[in-house]
Amino acid sequence: MRLLMLGGTGFVGGATVAEAVHRGWSVTMFNRGRHGTPPPGIRRLVGDRTAHAGLAALADGKWDVVVDTWDGAPRAARAGARALAGRVGRYVYVSTGAVYAPPVPIAVTEQAPVLRADPDAADGDYPMLKAGAERALHAEFGERLLLARAGLILGPGEDIGRLPWWLARVARGGEVLAPGPADLPVQYVDVRDLAAFLLDAGAAGCSGAVNVVSRSGHTTIGELLAACVSATGADARLRWAEPERVLAAGVTPWNDLPIWIPPGHEYRWMQEMDVERAYADGLTCRPVADTVADTWSWLRRVGEVPARAGRPARAPIGLDPTREAALLTAIRAG
């Protein structure tokens, strides 16, 4: 199989390239050439789809599958698709569940309404950019387009730092504020399982939208944090707190305490998406213990979460140690 990877140096793109190489596929990468070094045997085309004549390197060539992780201007996504028209078998776009129009119901399916985004927009927030790109790509590729709407993505190489934050916090040891309930279902996809799905589904000719994430309850917040303790071998003790108490203290779910979205929260649907189509199309998800242990091994090797290649810096995530200490003191006091 011949793969064209648009990007390829970031989290999902890097995992996809590695999986394609492992399979023996012929791989071409197209990006600005500013970050990372392609694996041996990879053909690298340099260009910038936001620049004048920036797509010249894509003028020749044919590919069976294109995988695209673009999260910039939709009009640039359209320009890239037009440059490839007629020379690609299947276009796989890594989108997001954030494209669903609010209010989003629990167990949201792929048929739910999406944001009314402009396919020719030059800017916007993340959900609108992704929704606009979906529309732009559909206009060019129609039934040859697969929209992989991912949810929470974890695993080695994570450049946002949600699971790495928990691992680093647990590794420091001592009492760790653990947001309850411990049996709260967590829904995510390991980046390596996502990459395998993108290639499998692209090669099989799948099309349309599909929520690509594990089943809700694939793990729980309790199992995930226990796996962090086990992987790090730290002398850490999880101090569980009721979600109402954590929220009352001004803690922000997802950002202050990454991954955690408590029951009843407006974004709780993000960890309770319907994924029957993804599993029917062949998605398989490894155990949470493997994801956590492999992420810890990677984090120890690289030392810190890498900067997000070619993307704007994000606000820091994770609870400040001083705030956590104050919350733990209050919890111990009853």
C-alpha atoms as a PDB file:
ATOM      1  CA  MET A   1       0.000   0.000   0.000  1.00  0.00           C
ATOM      2  CA  ARG A   2       1.104   3.559  -0.732  1.00  0.00           C
ATOM      3  CA  LEU A   3       0.507   6.068   2.080  1.00  0.00           C
ATOM      4  CA  LEU A   4       0.716   9.838   1.875  1.00  0.00           C
ATOM      5  CA  MET A   5       0.927  11.293   5.366  1.00  0.00           C
ATOM      6  CA  LEU A   6       0.094  15.000   5.524  1.00  0.00           C
ATOM      7  CA  GLY A   7       2.118  16.031   8.544  1.00  0.00           C
ATOM      8  CA  GLY A   8       3.751  13.079  10.252  1.00  0.00           C
ATOM      9  CA  THR A   9       5.966  14.655  12.901  1.00  0.00           C
ATOM     10  CA  GLY A  10       3.348  15.139  15.620  1.00  0.00           C
ATOM     11  CA  PHE A  11       1.609  12.786  18.016  1.00  0.00           C
ATOM     12  CA  VAL A  12      -0.957  11.043  15.793  1.00  0.00           C
ATOM     13  CA  GLY A  13       0.962  11.557  12.571  1.00  0.00           C
ATOM     14  CA  GLY A  14       4.130  10.078  14.010  1.00  0.00           C
ATOM     15  CA  ALA A  15       2.303   7.002  15.286  1.00  0.00           C
ATOM     16  CA  THR A  16       0.616   6.546  11.908  1.00  0.00           C
ATOM     17  CA  VAL A  17       3.909   6.731  10.018  1.00  0.00           C
ATOM     18  CA  ALA A  18       5.513   4.265  12.437  1.00  0.00           C
ATOM     19  CA  GLU A  19       2.625   1.811  11.998  1.00  0.00           C
ATOM     20  CA  ALA A  20       2.765   2.100   8.200  1.00  0.00           C
ATOM     21  CA  VAL A  21       6.512   1.481   8.192  1.00  0.00           C
ATOM     22  CA  HIS A  22       6.000  -1.533  10.452  1.00  0.00           C
ATOM     23  CA  ARG A  23       3.530  -2.912   7.909  1.00  0.00           C
ATOM     24  CA  GLY A  24       5.953  -2.468   5.055  1.00  0.00           C
ATOM     25  CA  TRP A  25       3.904   0.222   3.311  1.00  0.00           C
ATOM     26  CA  SER A  26       5.494   2.712   0.942  1.00  0.00           C
ATOM     27  CA  VAL A  27       5.300   5.986   2.878  1.00  0.00           C
ATOM     28  CA  THR A  28       5.539   9.591   1.688  1.00  0.00           C
ATOM     29  CA  MET A  29       5.386  12.489   4.155  1.00  0.00           C
ATOM     30  CA  PHE A  30       4.384  16.020   3.202  1.00  0.00           C
ATOM     31  CA  ASN A  31       5.092  18.793   5.690  1.00  0.00           C
ATOM     32  CA  ARG A  32       7.056  21.988   6.167  1.00  0.00           C
ATOM     33  CA  GLY A  33      10.242  20.132   7.058  1.00  0.00           C
ATOM     34  CA  ARG A  34      10.797  22.103  10.242  1.00  0.00           C
ATOM     35  CA  HIS A  35      10.419  19.379  12.849  1.00  0.00           C
ATOM     36  CA  GLY A  36      11.572  15.821  13.287  1.00  0.00           C
ATOM     37  CA  THR A  37      13.513  13.439  11.103  1.00  0.00           C
ATOM     38  CA  PRO A  38      11.662  10.907   8.926  1.00  0.00           C
ATOM     39  CA  PRO A  39      12.361   7.222   9.609  1.00  0.00           C
ATOM     40  CA  PRO A  40      14.730   5.535   7.149  1.00  0.00           C
ATOM     41  CA  GLY A  41      13.142   4.748   3.815  1.00  0.00           C
ATOM     42  CA  ILE A  42      10.505   7.498   4.058  1.00  0.00           C
ATOM     43  CA  ARG A  43      10.139   9.916   1.161  1.00  0.00           C
ATOM     44  CA  ARG A  44       9.713  13.459   2.431  1.00  0.00           C
ATOM     45  CA  LEU A  45       8.085  16.205   0.390  1.00  0.00           C
ATOM     46  CA  VAL A  46       8.477  19.736   1.712  1.00  0.00           C
ATOM     47  CA  GLY A  47       5.760  22.324   1.373  1.00  0.00           C
ATOM     48  CA  ASP A  48       3.313  24.562   3.222  1.00  0.00           C
ATOM     49  CA  ARG A  49      -0.330  24.370   2.226  1.00  0.00           C
ATOM     50  CA  THR A  50      -0.964  27.821   3.674  1.00  0.00           C
ATOM     51  CA  ALA A  51       1.614  29.488   1.406  1.00  0.00           C
ATOM     52  CA  HIS A  52       1.448  30.561  -2.236  1.00  0.00           C
ATOM     53  CA  ALA A  53       2.626  27.668  -4.404  1.00  0.00           C
ATOM     54  CA  GLY A  54       3.141  25.716  -1.178  1.00  0.00           C
ATOM     55  CA  LEU A  55       1.616  22.554  -2.643  1.00  0.00           C
ATOM     56  CA  ALA A  56       3.989  22.270  -5.600  1.00  0.00           C
ATOM     57  CA  ALA A  57       5.700  19.193  -4.124  1.00  0.00           C
ATOM     58  CA  LEU A  58       2.383  17.316  -4.411  1.00  0.00           C
ATOM     59  CA  ALA A  59       2.056  17.910  -8.153  1.00  0.00           C
ATOM     60  CA  ASP A  60       3.052  14.334  -8.994  1.00  0.00           C
ATOM     61  CA  GLY A  61       2.435  10.942  -7.449  1.00  0.00           C
ATOM     62  CA  LYS A  62      -0.399   8.557  -6.653  1.00  0.00           C
ATOM     63  CA  TRP A  63      -1.339   7.042  -3.317  1.00  0.00           C
ATOM     64  CA  ASP A  64      -3.794   4.442  -2.075  1.00  0.00           C
ATOM     65  CA  VAL A  65      -4.452   6.202   1.231  1.00  0.00           C
ATOM     66  CA  VAL A  66      -3.941   9.741   2.503  1.00  0.00           C
ATOM     67  CA  VAL A  67      -4.030  10.422   6.255  1.00  0.00           C
ATOM     68  CA  ASP A  68      -4.432  14.046   7.294  1.00  0.00           C
ATOM     69  CA  THR A  69      -4.326  15.463  10.848  1.00  0.00           C
ATOM     70  CA  TRP A  70      -4.726  19.137   9.862  1.00  0.00           C
ATOM     71  CA  ASP A  71      -6.290  21.430  12.466  1.00  0.00           C
ATOM     72  CA  GLY A  72      -5.695  24.772  10.774  1.00  0.00           C
ATOM     73  CA  ALA A  73      -7.705  26.832   8.300  1.00  0.00           C
ATOM     74  CA  PRO A  74     -10.370  24.792   6.464  1.00  0.00           C
ATOM     75  CA  ARG A  75      -9.554  26.561   3.202  1.00  0.00           C
ATOM     76  CA  ALA A  76      -6.026  25.150   3.401  1.00  0.00           C
ATOM     77  CA  ALA A  77      -7.475  21.668   3.863  1.00  0.00           C
ATOM     78  CA  ARG A  78      -9.571  22.223   0.732  1.00  0.00           C
ATOM     79  CA  ALA A  79      -6.540  23.423  -1.232  1.00  0.00           C
ATOM     80  CA  GLY A  80      -4.594  20.310  -0.302  1.00  0.00           C
ATOM     81  CA  ALA A  81      -7.482  18.044  -1.249  1.00  0.00           C
ATOM     82  CA  ARG A  82      -7.867  19.739  -4.612  1.00  0.00           C
ATOM     83  CA  ALA A  83      -4.174  19.255  -5.302  1.00  0.00           C
ATOM     84  CA  LEU A  84      -4.609  15.510  -4.782  1.00  0.00           C
ATOM     85  CA  ALA A  85      -7.900  15.040  -6.595  1.00  0.00           C
ATOM     86  CA  GLY A  86      -7.856  12.057  -8.934  1.00  0.00           C
ATOM     87  CA  ARG A  87      -4.603  10.669  -7.529  1.00  0.00           C
ATOM     88  CA  VAL A  88      -5.784   9.263  -4.198  1.00  0.00           C
ATOM     89  CA  GLY A  89      -7.839   6.180  -3.433  1.00  0.00           C
ATOM     90  CA  ARG A  90      -9.074   7.042   0.062  1.00  0.00           C
ATOM     91  CA  TYR A  91      -8.743  10.242   2.099  1.00  0.00           C
ATOM     92  CA  VAL A  92      -8.688   9.680   5.891  1.00  0.00           C
ATOM     93  CA  TYR A  93      -9.115  12.813   7.981  1.00  0.00           C
ATOM     94  CA  VAL A  94      -8.430  12.713  11.713  1.00  0.00           C
ATOM     95  CA  SER A  95     -11.220  14.868  13.106  1.00  0.00           C
ATOM     96  CA  THR A  96     -12.728  15.107  16.583  1.00  0.00           C
ATOM     97  CA  GLY A  97     -15.928  14.590  18.513  1.00  0.00           C
ATOM     98  CA  ALA A  98     -15.759  18.317  19.250  1.00  0.00           C
ATOM     99  CA  VAL A  99     -17.435  18.939  15.873  1.00  0.00           C
ATOM    100  CA  TYR A 100     -20.834  17.875  17.274  1.00  0.00           C
ATOM    101  CA  ALA A 101     -23.208  20.793  17.789  1.00  0.00           C
ATOM    102  CA  PRO A 102     -24.220  21.457  21.413  1.00  0.00           C
ATOM    103  CA  PRO A 103     -26.012  20.347  23.386  1.00  0.00           C
ATOM    104  CA  VAL A 104     -24.411  16.987  22.664  1.00  0.00           C
ATOM    105  CA  PRO A 105     -26.290  13.977  24.071  1.00  0.00           C
ATOM    106  CA  ILE A 106     -24.756  11.094  25.960  1.00  0.00           C
ATOM    107  CA  ALA A 107     -24.009   8.196  23.581  1.00  0.00           C
ATOM    108  CA  VAL A 108     -23.786  10.601  20.646  1.00  0.00           C
ATOM    109  CA  THR A 109     -23.717   8.826  17.277  1.00  0.00           C
ATOM    110  CA  GLU A 110     -22.176   9.846  13.986  1.00  0.00           C
ATOM    111  CA  GLN A 111     -25.594  10.979  12.746  1.00  0.00           C
ATOM    112  CA  ALA A 112     -25.808  13.820  15.293  1.00  0.00           C
ATOM    113  CA  PRO A 113     -25.758  17.418  13.954  1.00  0.00           C
ATOM    114  CA  VAL A 114     -22.361  19.057  13.612  1.00  0.00           C
ATOM    115  CA  LEU A 115     -21.289  22.674  13.918  1.00  0.00           C
ATOM    116  CA  ARG A 116     -22.229  24.926  10.993  1.00  0.00           C
ATOM    117  CA  ALA A 117     -18.680  25.822  10.027  1.00  0.00           C
ATOM    118  CA  ASP A 118     -17.337  27.617   6.960  1.00  0.00           C
ATOM    119  CA  PRO A 119     -15.301  25.309   4.684  1.00  0.00           C
ATOM    120  CA  ASP A 120     -13.422  28.344   3.360  1.00  0.00           C
ATOM    121  CA  ALA A 121     -12.630  29.904   6.741  1.00  0.00           C
ATOM    122  CA  ALA A 122      -9.159  31.251   7.407  1.00  0.00           C
ATOM    123  CA  ASP A 123      -9.327  30.942  11.202  1.00  0.00           C
ATOM    124  CA  GLY A 124     -11.505  29.949  14.131  1.00  0.00           C
ATOM    125  CA  ASP A 125     -11.427  27.864  17.303  1.00  0.00           C
ATOM    126  CA  TYR A 126     -10.504  24.186  17.257  1.00  0.00           C
ATOM    127  CA  PRO A 127     -14.031  22.715  16.906  1.00  0.00           C
ATOM    128  CA  MET A 128     -14.950  25.144  14.111  1.00  0.00           C
ATOM    129  CA  LEU A 129     -11.683  24.531  12.265  1.00  0.00           C
ATOM    130  CA  LYS A 130     -12.197  20.782  12.348  1.00  0.00           C
ATOM    131  CA  ALA A 131     -15.866  21.036  11.356  1.00  0.00           C
ATOM    132  CA  GLY A 132     -14.999  23.398   8.518  1.00  0.00           C
ATOM    133  CA  ALA A 133     -12.267  21.072   7.290  1.00  0.00           C
ATOM    134  CA  GLU A 134     -14.703  18.150   7.323  1.00  0.00           C
ATOM    135  CA  ARG A 135     -17.024  20.094   5.017  1.00  0.00           C
ATOM    136  CA  ALA A 136     -14.196  21.239   2.761  1.00  0.00           C
ATOM    137  CA  LEU A 137     -12.816  17.725   2.335  1.00  0.00           C
ATOM    138  CA  HIS A 138     -16.234  16.209   1.760  1.00  0.00           C
ATOM    139  CA  ALA A 139     -16.831  18.664  -1.057  1.00  0.00           C
ATOM    140  CA  GLU A 140     -13.685  17.396  -2.790  1.00  0.00           C
ATOM    141  CA  PHE A 141     -13.713  13.665  -1.996  1.00  0.00           C
ATOM    142  CA  GLY A 142     -17.326  12.788  -1.231  1.00  0.00           C
ATOM    143  CA  GLU A 143     -17.724   9.035  -0.683  1.00  0.00           C
ATOM    144  CA  ARG A 144     -13.965   8.521  -0.750  1.00  0.00           C
ATOM    145  CA  LEU A 145     -13.571  10.397   2.546  1.00  0.00           C
ATOM    146  CA  LEU A 146     -13.360   8.813   6.003  1.00  0.00           C
ATOM    147  CA  LEU A 147     -13.858  11.184   8.928  1.00  0.00           C
ATOM    148  CA  ALA A 148     -12.251   9.614  11.990  1.00  0.00           C
ATOM    149  CA  ARG A 149     -13.764  11.560  14.890  1.00  0.00           C
ATOM    150  CA  ALA A 150     -11.392  10.771  17.707  1.00  0.00           C
ATOM    151  CA  GLY A 151     -12.046  11.426  21.364  1.00  0.00           C
ATOM    152  CA  LEU A 152      -9.387  11.555  24.079  1.00  0.00           C
ATOM    153  CA  ILE A 153      -6.084  10.260  22.652  1.00  0.00           C
ATOM    154  CA  LEU A 154      -3.421   8.922  25.023  1.00  0.00           C
ATOM    155  CA  GLY A 155      -0.187   7.001  24.679  1.00  0.00           C
ATOM    156  CA  PRO A 156       3.550   7.435  24.019  1.00  0.00           C
ATOM    157  CA  GLY A 157       4.349  10.726  22.310  1.00  0.00           C
ATOM    158  CA  GLU A 158       1.403  12.663  23.747  1.00  0.00           C
ATOM    159  CA  ASP A 159       2.174  16.338  23.186  1.00  0.00           C
ATOM    160  CA  ILE A 160      -0.634  17.796  25.285  1.00  0.00           C
ATOM    161  CA  GLY A 161       0.441  16.129  28.505  1.00  0.00           C
ATOM    162  CA  ARG A 162      -2.733  14.827  30.129  1.00  0.00           C
ATOM    163  CA  LEU A 163      -1.551  11.320  31.028  1.00  0.00           C
ATOM    164  CA  PRO A 164       2.064  12.514  31.444  1.00  0.00           C
ATOM    165  CA  TRP A 165       0.853  15.005  34.063  1.00  0.00           C
ATOM    166  CA  TRP A 166      -0.772  12.248  36.102  1.00  0.00           C
ATOM    167  CA  LEU A 167       2.316  10.057  35.774  1.00  0.00           C
ATOM    168  CA  ALA A 168       4.629  12.857  36.873  1.00  0.00           C
ATOM    169  CA  ARG A 169       2.353  13.731  39.785  1.00  0.00           C
ATOM    170  CA  VAL A 170       2.116  10.142  40.989  1.00  0.00           C
ATOM    171  CA  ALA A 171       5.872   9.713  40.587  1.00  0.00           C
ATOM    172  CA  ARG A 172       6.421  12.531  43.121  1.00  0.00           C
ATOM    173  CA  GLY A 173       4.714  10.305  45.677  1.00  0.00           C
ATOM    174  CA  GLY A 174       2.798  11.175  48.810  1.00  0.00           C
ATOM    175  CA  GLU A 175      -0.931  11.758  48.914  1.00  0.00           C
ATOM    176  CA  VAL A 176      -2.433  12.370  45.484  1.00  0.00           C
ATOM    177  CA  LEU A 177      -5.790  14.068  45.076  1.00  0.00           C
ATOM    178  CA  ALA A 178      -7.913  11.554  43.164  1.00  0.00           C
ATOM    179  CA  PRO A 179     -11.210  12.902  41.798  1.00  0.00           C
ATOM    180  CA  GLY A 180     -14.085  10.502  42.242  1.00  0.00           C
ATOM    181  CA  PRO A 181     -15.995   8.452  41.849  1.00  0.00           C
ATOM    182  CA  ALA A 182     -13.320   5.814  41.411  1.00  0.00           C
ATOM    183  CA  ASP A 183     -15.572   3.756  39.160  1.00  0.00           C
ATOM    184  CA  LEU A 184     -16.219   6.677  36.785  1.00  0.00           C
ATOM    185  CA  PRO A 185     -15.943   5.312  33.205  1.00  0.00           C
ATOM    186  CA  VAL A 186     -13.142   6.752  31.094  1.00  0.00           C
ATOM    187  CA  GLN A 187     -13.246   6.597  27.300  1.00  0.00           C
ATOM    188  CA  TYR A 188     -10.065   7.151  25.265  1.00  0.00           C
ATOM    189  CA  VAL A 189      -8.026   5.621  22.459  1.00  0.00           C
ATOM    190  CA  ASP A 190      -4.347   4.697  22.524  1.00  0.00           C
ATOM    191  CA  VAL A 191      -2.616   6.567  19.698  1.00  0.00           C
ATOM    192  CA  ARG A 192      -1.181   3.308  18.353  1.00  0.00           C
ATOM    193  CA  ASP A 193      -4.633   1.721  18.180  1.00  0.00           C
ATOM    194  CA  LEU A 194      -5.929   4.844  16.456  1.00  0.00           C
ATOM    195  CA  ALA A 195      -3.104   4.677  13.912  1.00  0.00           C
ATOM    196  CA  ALA A 196      -3.814   1.022  13.182  1.00  0.00           C
ATOM    197  CA  PHE A 197      -7.499   1.818  12.682  1.00  0.00           C
ATOM    198  CA  LEU A 198      -6.760   4.705  10.307  1.00  0.00           C
ATOM    199  CA  LEU A 199      -4.658   2.457   8.073  1.00  0.00           C
ATOM    200  CA  ASP A 200      -6.981  -0.555   8.278  1.00  0.00           C
ATOM    201  CA  ALA A 201     -10.093   1.486   7.521  1.00  0.00           C
ATOM    202  CA  GLY A 202      -8.385   3.427   4.766  1.00  0.00           C
ATOM    203  CA  ALA A 203      -7.133   0.272   3.085  1.00  0.00           C
ATOM    204  CA  ALA A 204     -10.578  -1.331   3.401  1.00  0.00           C
ATOM    205  CA  GLY A 205     -12.242   1.636   1.694  1.00  0.00           C
ATOM    206  CA  CYS A 206     -14.359   2.738   4.667  1.00  0.00           C
ATOM    207  CA  SER A 207     -16.067   6.100   4.301  1.00  0.00           C
ATOM    208  CA  GLY A 208     -18.261   8.531   6.191  1.00  0.00           C
ATOM    209  CA  ALA A 209     -17.955   9.586   9.830  1.00  0.00           C
ATOM    210  CA  VAL A 210     -16.939   7.252  12.643  1.00  0.00           C
ATOM    211  CA  ASN A 211     -16.318   7.897  16.353  1.00  0.00           C
ATOM    212  CA  VAL A 212     -12.884   6.370  16.952  1.00  0.00           C
ATOM    213  CA  VAL A 213     -12.412   5.812  20.663  1.00  0.00           C
ATOM    214  CA  SER A 214     -12.716   2.902  23.081  1.00  0.00           C
ATOM    215  CA  ARG A 215     -16.003   1.876  24.580  1.00  0.00           C
ATOM    216  CA  SER A 216     -17.018   3.970  27.562  1.00  0.00           C
ATOM    217  CA  GLY A 217     -15.845   1.985  30.553  1.00  0.00           C
ATOM    218  CA  HIS A 218     -12.870   0.479  28.729  1.00  0.00           C
ATOM    219  CA  THR A 219     -11.279   1.678  31.938  1.00  0.00           C
ATOM    220  CA  THR A 220     -12.232   3.812  34.942  1.00  0.00           C
ATOM    221  CA  ILE A 221     -10.503   6.767  36.551  1.00  0.00           C
ATOM    222  CA  GLY A 222      -9.648   4.451  39.448  1.00  0.00           C
ATOM    223  CA  GLU A 223      -8.048   1.837  37.201  1.00  0.00           C
ATOM    224  CA  LEU A 224      -6.127   4.492  35.282  1.00  0.00           C
ATOM    225  CA  LEU A 225      -4.669   6.118  38.408  1.00  0.00           C
ATOM    226  CA  ALA A 226      -3.872   2.730  39.937  1.00  0.00           C
ATOM    227  CA  ALA A 227      -2.006   1.893  36.723  1.00  0.00           C
ATOM    228  CA  CYS A 228      -0.016   5.117  37.151  1.00  0.00           C
ATOM    229  CA  VAL A 229       0.993   4.051  40.665  1.00  0.00           C
ATOM    230  CA  SER A 230       1.982   0.594  39.419  1.00  0.00           C
ATOM    231  CA  ALA A 231       3.933   1.847  36.399  1.00  0.00           C
ATOM    232  CA  THR A 232       5.942   4.437  38.311  1.00  0.00           C
ATOM    233  CA  GLY A 233       6.530   2.265  41.370  1.00  0.00           C
ATOM    234  CA  ALA A 234       6.080   5.408  43.451  1.00  0.00           C
ATOM    235  CA  ASP A 235       5.148   5.608  47.124  1.00  0.00           C
ATOM    236  CA  ALA A 236       1.903   7.371  46.232  1.00  0.00           C
ATOM    237  CA  ARG A 237      -1.408   7.108  48.028  1.00  0.00           C
ATOM    238  CA  LEU A 238      -4.592   8.014  46.184  1.00  0.00           C
ATOM    239  CA  ARG A 239      -6.863  10.171  48.348  1.00  0.00           C
ATOM    240  CA  TRP A 240     -10.310   9.953  46.775  1.00  0.00           C
ATOM    241  CA  ALA A 241     -12.631  12.934  46.950  1.00  0.00           C
ATOM    242  CA  GLU A 242     -16.278  13.231  45.962  1.00  0.00           C
ATOM    243  CA  PRO A 243     -16.722  15.143  42.702  1.00  0.00           C
ATOM    244  CA  GLU A 244     -19.013  17.694  44.378  1.00  0.00           C
ATOM    245  CA  ARG A 245     -16.275  18.611  46.819  1.00  0.00           C
ATOM    246  CA  VAL A 246     -13.629  18.901  44.125  1.00  0.00           C
ATOM    247  CA  LEU A 247     -15.862  21.111  41.978  1.00  0.00           C
ATOM    248  CA  ALA A 248     -16.837  23.275  44.951  1.00  0.00           C
ATOM    249  CA  ALA A 249     -13.155  24.026  45.478  1.00  0.00           C
ATOM    250  CA  GLY A 250     -12.995  25.606  42.027  1.00  0.00           C
ATOM    251  CA  VAL A 251     -11.152  22.772  40.329  1.00  0.00           C
ATOM    252  CA  THR A 252     -11.733  22.680  36.571  1.00  0.00           C
ATOM    253  CA  PRO A 253     -12.364  19.202  35.132  1.00  0.00           C
ATOM    254  CA  TRP A 254     -10.248  18.161  32.137  1.00  0.00           C
ATOM    255  CA  ASN A 255      -7.755  20.988  32.655  1.00  0.00           C
ATOM    256  CA  ASP A 256      -6.854  21.173  36.374  1.00  0.00           C
ATOM    257  CA  LEU A 257      -7.328  17.421  36.726  1.00  0.00           C
ATOM    258  CA  PRO A 258      -6.707  16.049  33.235  1.00  0.00           C
ATOM    259  CA  ILE A 259      -8.885  13.285  31.763  1.00  0.00           C
ATOM    260  CA  TRP A 260     -11.481  13.583  34.550  1.00  0.00           C
ATOM    261  CA  ILE A 261     -15.000  14.680  33.514  1.00  0.00           C
ATOM    262  CA  PRO A 262     -17.415  14.132  36.435  1.00  0.00           C
ATOM    263  CA  PRO A 263     -20.988  12.850  36.204  1.00  0.00           C
ATOM    264  CA  GLY A 264     -23.478  15.502  35.132  1.00  0.00           C
ATOM    265  CA  HIS A 265     -20.841  17.809  33.634  1.00  0.00           C
ATOM    266  CA  GLU A 266     -21.802  19.460  30.333  1.00  0.00           C
ATOM    267  CA  TYR A 267     -18.916  17.704  28.569  1.00  0.00           C
ATOM    268  CA  ARG A 268     -19.497  14.299  30.120  1.00  0.00           C
ATOM    269  CA  TRP A 269     -20.610  13.070  26.680  1.00  0.00           C
ATOM    270  CA  MET A 270     -16.960  13.222  25.573  1.00  0.00           C
ATOM    271  CA  GLN A 271     -16.370   9.993  27.498  1.00  0.00           C
ATOM    272  CA  GLU A 272     -19.657   8.327  26.635  1.00  0.00           C
ATOM    273  CA  MET A 273     -19.721   8.431  22.816  1.00  0.00           C
ATOM    274  CA  ASP A 274     -21.338   5.660  20.778  1.00  0.00           C
ATOM    275  CA  VAL A 275     -18.574   3.629  19.119  1.00  0.00           C
ATOM    276  CA  GLU A 276     -20.404   0.654  17.652  1.00  0.00           C
ATOM    277  CA  ARG A 277     -19.396   1.544  14.111  1.00  0.00           C
ATOM    278  CA  ALA A 278     -15.689   1.807  14.984  1.00  0.00           C
ATOM    279  CA  TYR A 279     -15.689  -1.639  16.559  1.00  0.00           C
ATOM    280  CA  ALA A 280     -17.643  -3.066  13.628  1.00  0.00           C
ATOM    281  CA  ASP A 281     -14.977  -1.589  11.339  1.00  0.00           C
ATOM    282  CA  GLY A 282     -12.195  -3.312  13.274  1.00  0.00           C
ATOM    283  CA  LEU A 283     -11.083  -0.991  16.092  1.00  0.00           C
ATOM    284  CA  THR A 284      -9.291  -2.852  18.881  1.00  0.00           C
ATOM    285  CA  CYS A 285      -8.066  -1.225  22.090  1.00  0.00           C
ATOM    286  CA  ARG A 286      -5.229  -2.446  24.291  1.00  0.00           C
ATOM    287  CA  PRO A 287      -5.514  -2.575  28.106  1.00  0.00           C
ATOM    288  CA  VAL A 288      -5.070   0.671  30.020  1.00  0.00           C
ATOM    289  CA  ALA A 289      -2.111  -0.811  31.923  1.00  0.00           C
ATOM    290  CA  ASP A 290      -0.198  -1.109  28.634  1.00  0.00           C
ATOM    291  CA  THR A 291      -0.965   2.461  27.596  1.00  0.00           C
ATOM    292  CA  VAL A 292       0.089   3.832  30.986  1.00  0.00           C
ATOM    293  CA  ALA A 293       3.262   1.742  31.295  1.00  0.00           C
ATOM    294  CA  ASP A 294       4.407   2.501  27.744  1.00  0.00           C
ATOM    295  CA  THR A 295       3.733   6.219  28.218  1.00  0.00           C
ATOM    296  CA  TRP A 296       5.790   6.208  31.417  1.00  0.00           C
ATOM    297  CA  SER A 297       8.671   4.445  29.648  1.00  0.00           C
ATOM    298  CA  TRP A 298       8.558   7.003  26.844  1.00  0.00           C
ATOM    299  CA  LEU A 299       8.334   9.933  29.269  1.00  0.00           C
ATOM    300  CA  ARG A 300      11.382   8.766  31.195  1.00  0.00           C
ATOM    301  CA  ARG A 301      13.285   8.439  27.929  1.00  0.00           C
ATOM    302  CA  VAL A 302      12.444  11.914  26.553  1.00  0.00           C
ATOM    303  CA  GLY A 303      12.428  13.707  29.913  1.00  0.00           C
ATOM    304  CA  GLU A 304       9.448  15.985  29.290  1.00  0.00           C
ATOM    305  CA  VAL A 305       6.397  16.430  27.093  1.00  0.00           C
ATOM    306  CA  PRO A 306       7.608  17.706  23.707  1.00  0.00           C
ATOM    307  CA  ALA A 307       6.455  20.983  22.226  1.00  0.00           C
ATOM    308  CA  ARG A 308       3.574  20.611  19.787  1.00  0.00           C
ATOM    309  CA  ALA A 309       5.321  20.786  16.423  1.00  0.00           C
ATOM    310  CA  GLY A 310       4.139  23.726  14.350  1.00  0.00           C
ATOM    311  CA  ARG A 311       1.162  24.495  16.613  1.00  0.00           C
ATOM    312  CA  PRO A 312       0.362  27.325  19.026  1.00  0.00           C
ATOM    313  CA  ALA A 313       1.317  26.773  22.646  1.00  0.00           C
ATOM    314  CA  ARG A 314      -1.496  25.557  24.898  1.00  0.00           C
ATOM    315  CA  ALA A 315      -2.325  26.778  28.372  1.00  0.00           C
ATOM    316  CA  PRO A 316      -0.588  24.663  31.038  1.00  0.00           C
ATOM    317  CA  ILE A 317      -2.645  21.786  32.382  1.00  0.00           C
ATOM    318  CA  GLY A 318      -2.640  20.185  35.788  1.00  0.00           C
ATOM    319  CA  LEU A 319      -3.423  21.296  39.320  1.00  0.00           C
ATOM    320  CA  ASP A 320      -0.921  23.587  41.018  1.00  0.00           C
ATOM    321  CA  PRO A 321       0.809  21.722  43.890  1.00  0.00           C
ATOM    322  CA  THR A 322      -0.115  24.432  46.392  1.00  0.00           C
ATOM    323  CA  ARG A 323      -3.818  24.163  45.516  1.00  0.00           C
ATOM    324  CA  GLU A 324      -3.663  20.389  45.681  1.00  0.00           C
ATOM    325  CA  ALA A 325      -2.028  20.507  49.117  1.00  0.00           C
ATOM    326  CA  ALA A 326      -4.742  22.842  50.407  1.00  0.00           C
ATOM    327  CA  LEU A 327      -7.464  20.573  49.072  1.00  0.00           C
ATOM    328  CA  LEU A 328      -5.878  17.507  50.642  1.00  0.00           C
ATOM    329  CA  THR A 329      -5.652  19.307  53.985  1.00  0.00           C
ATOM    330  CA  ALA A 330      -9.344  20.164  53.801  1.00  0.00           C
ATOM    331  CA  ILE A 331     -10.267  16.580  52.915  1.00  0.00           C
ATOM    332  CA  ARG A 332      -8.251  15.183  55.814  1.00  0.00           C
ATOM    333  CA  ALA A 333     -10.058  17.612  58.111  1.00  0.00           C
ATOM    334  CA  GLY A 334     -13.336  16.073  57.011  1.00  0.00           C
END
